[in-house]
Amino acid sequence: MIDPNHERPDRCGTCRFFDTEDFGPEDRQGECHRYAPIALSGMAWAGFLSATRSDEEGEAQEISDSGFSFWATVMNYDWCGEWQAKSD
């Protein structure tokens, strides 16, 4: 992990690919848009959570296999080596 107190000009927070639109103004995190979003099927994500969920009667229900994607979440002090300056 990179020390957030170490000053370095080429960090995610100053990179053109760093997007904070889905985060609050005080958050130090954002999404890296350097590469395409990571795609997972619903069942792949279910492997992280669980393969089933319970309904009101306590019977197991399968999670649907609908796909989704997400951008990599990074901190503004992170660094990957592919930094590019933001345009004015």
N, C-alpha and C. Protein backbone atom coordinates (compact mmCIF):
# COMPACT_ATOMS: atom_id res chain seq x y z
N MET A 1 0.84 -1.19 0.00
CA MET A 1 0.00 0.00 0.00
C MET A 1 0.88 1.25 0.00
N ILE A 2 0.47 2.24 -0.72
CA ILE A 2 1.20 3.50 -0.79
C ILE A 2 0.83 4.36 0.40
N ASP A 3 1.81 5.01 0.97
CA ASP A 3 1.58 5.90 2.11
C ASP A 3 0.83 7.14 1.63
N PRO A 4 -0.39 7.41 2.13
CA PRO A 4 -1.15 8.57 1.65
C PRO A 4 -0.52 9.91 2.04
N ASN A 5 0.43 9.90 2.96
CA ASN A 5 1.08 11.14 3.38
C ASN A 5 2.29 11.47 2.52
N HIS A 6 2.74 10.53 1.69
CA HIS A 6 3.89 10.76 0.82
C HIS A 6 3.45 11.54 -0.41
N GLU A 7 4.02 12.70 -0.61
CA GLU A 7 3.63 13.54 -1.75
C GLU A 7 4.24 13.02 -3.04
N ARG A 8 3.42 12.93 -4.03
CA ARG A 8 3.83 12.46 -5.34
C ARG A 8 2.86 13.06 -6.35
N PRO A 9 3.32 13.74 -7.37
CA PRO A 9 2.40 14.42 -8.30
C PRO A 9 1.63 13.49 -9.23
N ASP A 10 2.13 12.28 -9.44
CA ASP A 10 1.50 11.38 -10.41
C ASP A 10 0.64 10.32 -9.72
N ARG A 11 -0.29 10.77 -8.93
CA ARG A 11 -1.20 9.87 -8.21
C ARG A 11 -2.57 9.89 -8.88
N CYS A 12 -3.42 8.93 -8.48
CA CYS A 12 -4.75 8.81 -9.08
C CYS A 12 -5.56 10.10 -8.99
N GLY A 13 -5.45 10.81 -7.87
CA GLY A 13 -6.24 12.03 -7.68
C GLY A 13 -5.97 13.12 -8.69
N THR A 14 -4.82 13.07 -9.36
CA THR A 14 -4.49 14.07 -10.37
C THR A 14 -4.47 13.49 -11.79
N CYS A 15 -4.94 12.25 -11.91
CA CYS A 15 -4.92 11.56 -13.20
C CYS A 15 -6.19 11.84 -14.00
N ARG A 16 -6.07 11.90 -15.30
CA ARG A 16 -7.22 12.16 -16.16
C ARG A 16 -8.24 11.03 -16.15
N PHE A 17 -7.86 9.83 -15.73
CA PHE A 17 -8.75 8.68 -15.71
C PHE A 17 -9.48 8.53 -14.36
N PHE A 18 -9.17 9.37 -13.38
CA PHE A 18 -9.77 9.29 -12.04
C PHE A 18 -11.11 10.00 -12.04
N ASP A 19 -12.18 9.29 -11.70
CA ASP A 19 -13.54 9.84 -11.73
C ASP A 19 -14.16 9.71 -10.35
N THR A 20 -14.62 10.83 -9.79
CA THR A 20 -15.22 10.84 -8.46
C THR A 20 -16.73 11.09 -8.51
N GLU A 21 -17.33 10.98 -9.67
CA GLU A 21 -18.75 11.33 -9.84
C GLU A 21 -19.67 10.54 -8.90
N ASP A 22 -19.39 9.27 -8.65
CA ASP A 22 -20.26 8.44 -7.81
C ASP A 22 -19.89 8.49 -6.33
N PHE A 23 -19.00 9.39 -5.94
CA PHE A 23 -18.56 9.49 -4.57
C PHE A 23 -18.80 10.90 -4.05
N GLY A 24 -18.81 11.05 -2.74
CA GLY A 24 -19.02 12.37 -2.14
C GLY A 24 -17.80 13.26 -2.27
N PRO A 25 -17.99 14.58 -2.10
CA PRO A 25 -16.88 15.52 -2.27
C PRO A 25 -15.76 15.33 -1.24
N GLU A 26 -16.07 14.74 -0.09
CA GLU A 26 -15.06 14.52 0.95
C GLU A 26 -14.36 13.17 0.82
N ASP A 27 -14.89 12.30 -0.04
CA ASP A 27 -14.27 10.98 -0.22
C ASP A 27 -12.92 11.12 -0.90
N ARG A 28 -12.01 10.23 -0.53
CA ARG A 28 -10.70 10.21 -1.17
C ARG A 28 -10.63 9.08 -2.19
N GLN A 29 -11.78 8.53 -2.55
CA GLN A 29 -11.78 7.44 -3.51
C GLN A 29 -12.55 7.81 -4.76
N GLY A 30 -12.31 7.06 -5.80
CA GLY A 30 -12.98 7.26 -7.07
C GLY A 30 -12.84 6.02 -7.92
N GLU A 31 -13.20 6.15 -9.18
CA GLU A 31 -13.10 5.02 -10.11
C GLU A 31 -12.02 5.31 -11.14
N CYS A 32 -11.27 4.28 -11.48
CA CYS A 32 -10.26 4.40 -12.52
C CYS A 32 -10.89 4.02 -13.85
N HIS A 33 -10.87 4.95 -14.79
CA HIS A 33 -11.45 4.71 -16.12
C HIS A 33 -10.36 4.51 -17.17
N ARG A 34 -9.19 4.03 -16.76
CA ARG A 34 -8.09 3.78 -17.69
C ARG A 34 -8.44 2.64 -18.65
N TYR A 35 -9.06 1.59 -18.13
CA TYR A 35 -9.45 0.44 -18.94
C TYR A 35 -10.96 0.24 -18.84
N ALA A 36 -11.49 -0.61 -19.68
CA ALA A 36 -12.93 -0.90 -19.67
C ALA A 36 -13.35 -1.47 -18.31
N PRO A 37 -14.63 -1.31 -17.96
CA PRO A 37 -15.10 -1.87 -16.69
C PRO A 37 -14.92 -3.39 -16.64
N ILE A 38 -14.82 -3.90 -15.44
CA ILE A 38 -14.70 -5.33 -15.21
C ILE A 38 -16.11 -5.94 -15.26
N ALA A 39 -16.30 -6.94 -16.08
CA ALA A 39 -17.62 -7.56 -16.22
C ALA A 39 -17.68 -8.88 -15.45
N LEU A 40 -18.76 -9.07 -14.73
CA LEU A 40 -19.02 -10.32 -14.01
C LEU A 40 -20.44 -10.77 -14.32
N SER A 41 -20.63 -12.06 -14.38
CA SER A 41 -21.99 -12.57 -14.50
C SER A 41 -22.61 -12.55 -13.11
N GLY A 42 -23.89 -12.62 -13.04
CA GLY A 42 -24.57 -12.65 -11.75
C GLY A 42 -24.11 -13.81 -10.89
N MET A 43 -23.86 -14.96 -11.49
CA MET A 43 -23.43 -16.13 -10.72
C MET A 43 -22.00 -15.96 -10.21
N ALA A 44 -21.14 -15.28 -10.95
CA ALA A 44 -19.79 -15.04 -10.46
C ALA A 44 -19.83 -14.15 -9.23
N TRP A 45 -20.67 -13.12 -9.27
CA TRP A 45 -20.82 -12.24 -8.11
C TRP A 45 -21.44 -12.99 -6.94
N ALA A 46 -22.38 -13.87 -7.24
CA ALA A 46 -23.02 -14.66 -6.19
C ALA A 46 -22.01 -15.53 -5.45
N GLY A 47 -20.95 -15.91 -6.13
CA GLY A 47 -19.91 -16.69 -5.47
C GLY A 47 -19.25 -15.92 -4.35
N PHE A 48 -19.19 -14.59 -4.47
CA PHE A 48 -18.63 -13.77 -3.41
C PHE A 48 -19.61 -13.64 -2.24
N LEU A 49 -20.86 -13.56 -2.53
CA LEU A 49 -21.87 -13.36 -1.49
C LEU A 49 -22.41 -14.68 -0.98
N SER A 50 -23.12 -15.37 -1.82
CA SER A 50 -23.60 -16.74 -1.58
C SER A 50 -24.40 -17.13 -2.80
N ALA A 51 -24.57 -18.42 -3.01
CA ALA A 51 -25.26 -18.89 -4.21
C ALA A 51 -26.77 -18.78 -4.08
N THR A 52 -27.26 -18.58 -2.89
CA THR A 52 -28.70 -18.49 -2.69
C THR A 52 -29.04 -17.40 -1.69
N ARG A 53 -30.31 -17.04 -1.66
CA ARG A 53 -30.83 -16.11 -0.66
C ARG A 53 -32.18 -16.65 -0.21
N SER A 54 -32.66 -16.24 0.92
CA SER A 54 -33.91 -16.76 1.45
C SER A 54 -35.05 -15.80 1.17
N ASP A 55 -36.22 -16.34 0.86
CA ASP A 55 -37.41 -15.51 0.73
C ASP A 55 -38.15 -15.53 2.07
N GLU A 56 -39.33 -14.95 2.12
CA GLU A 56 -40.08 -14.84 3.38
C GLU A 56 -40.38 -16.20 4.01
N GLU A 57 -40.60 -17.24 3.20
CA GLU A 57 -40.91 -18.57 3.72
C GLU A 57 -39.66 -19.34 4.10
N GLY A 58 -38.50 -18.76 3.90
CA GLY A 58 -37.27 -19.44 4.26
C GLY A 58 -36.76 -20.40 3.20
N GLU A 59 -37.39 -20.42 2.03
CA GLU A 59 -36.93 -21.29 0.96
C GLU A 59 -35.84 -20.59 0.16
N ALA A 60 -34.89 -21.36 -0.26
CA ALA A 60 -33.77 -20.80 -1.02
C ALA A 60 -34.22 -20.41 -2.42
N GLN A 61 -33.72 -19.29 -2.90
CA GLN A 61 -33.98 -18.84 -4.26
C GLN A 61 -32.64 -18.62 -4.93
N GLU A 62 -32.53 -19.02 -6.18
CA GLU A 62 -31.29 -18.80 -6.91
C GLU A 62 -31.16 -17.34 -7.32
N ILE A 63 -29.95 -16.87 -7.33
CA ILE A 63 -29.69 -15.52 -7.81
C ILE A 63 -29.61 -15.59 -9.34
N SER A 64 -30.23 -14.64 -10.02
CA SER A 64 -30.27 -14.68 -11.47
C SER A 64 -28.88 -14.51 -12.07
N ASP A 65 -28.71 -14.95 -13.28
CA ASP A 65 -27.43 -14.89 -13.97
C ASP A 65 -27.35 -13.68 -14.88
N SER A 66 -27.92 -12.57 -14.46
CA SER A 66 -27.81 -11.36 -15.27
C SER A 66 -26.45 -10.73 -15.02
N GLY A 67 -25.81 -10.28 -16.05
CA GLY A 67 -24.47 -9.73 -15.93
C GLY A 67 -24.45 -8.28 -15.51
N PHE A 68 -23.32 -7.82 -15.02
CA PHE A 68 -23.12 -6.42 -14.68
C PHE A 68 -21.63 -6.13 -14.71
N SER A 69 -21.28 -4.87 -14.64
CA SER A 69 -19.87 -4.50 -14.68
C SER A 69 -19.61 -3.35 -13.71
N PHE A 70 -18.34 -3.15 -13.40
CA PHE A 70 -17.97 -2.06 -12.51
C PHE A 70 -16.56 -1.59 -12.83
N TRP A 71 -16.30 -0.32 -12.52
CA TRP A 71 -14.97 0.26 -12.67
C TRP A 71 -14.15 -0.07 -11.43
N ALA A 72 -12.86 -0.13 -11.58
CA ALA A 72 -11.97 -0.36 -10.43
C ALA A 72 -12.04 0.85 -9.49
N THR A 73 -12.24 0.60 -8.20
CA THR A 73 -12.26 1.67 -7.20
C THR A 73 -10.86 1.86 -6.65
N VAL A 74 -10.39 3.09 -6.66
CA VAL A 74 -9.04 3.42 -6.19
C VAL A 74 -9.10 4.62 -5.25
N MET A 75 -8.06 4.81 -4.48
CA MET A 75 -7.94 5.98 -3.60
C MET A 75 -7.18 7.07 -4.34
N ASN A 76 -7.42 8.32 -3.97
CA ASN A 76 -6.78 9.43 -4.68
C ASN A 76 -5.26 9.43 -4.53
N TYR A 77 -4.73 8.76 -3.52
CA TYR A 77 -3.28 8.71 -3.32
C TYR A 77 -2.65 7.46 -3.94
N ASP A 78 -3.44 6.58 -4.58
CA ASP A 78 -2.90 5.38 -5.24
C ASP A 78 -2.11 5.77 -6.48
N TRP A 79 -1.33 4.85 -6.97
CA TRP A 79 -0.48 5.07 -8.14
C TRP A 79 -0.34 3.75 -8.88
N CYS A 80 -0.48 3.76 -10.21
CA CYS A 80 -0.39 2.51 -10.97
C CYS A 80 0.71 2.51 -12.03
N GLY A 81 1.27 3.64 -12.34
CA GLY A 81 2.30 3.69 -13.38
C GLY A 81 1.77 4.08 -14.75
N GLU A 82 0.47 4.26 -14.90
CA GLU A 82 -0.11 4.65 -16.18
C GLU A 82 -0.77 6.02 -16.10
N TRP A 83 -0.33 6.82 -15.18
CA TRP A 83 -0.87 8.16 -14.92
C TRP A 83 -0.74 9.05 -16.16
N GLN A 84 -1.78 9.84 -16.41
CA GLN A 84 -1.75 10.87 -17.45
C GLN A 84 -2.38 12.11 -16.87
N ALA A 85 -1.79 13.26 -17.14
CA ALA A 85 -2.28 14.53 -16.59
C ALA A 85 -3.68 14.84 -17.06
N LYS A 86 -4.47 15.45 -16.17
CA LYS A 86 -5.81 15.92 -16.56
C LYS A 86 -5.67 17.08 -17.53
N SER A 87 -6.55 17.13 -18.51
CA SER A 87 -6.53 18.26 -19.43
C SER A 87 -7.26 19.43 -18.82
N ASP A 88 -6.89 20.62 -19.19
CA ASP A 88 -7.52 21.83 -18.61
C ASP A 88 -8.86 22.12 -19.16
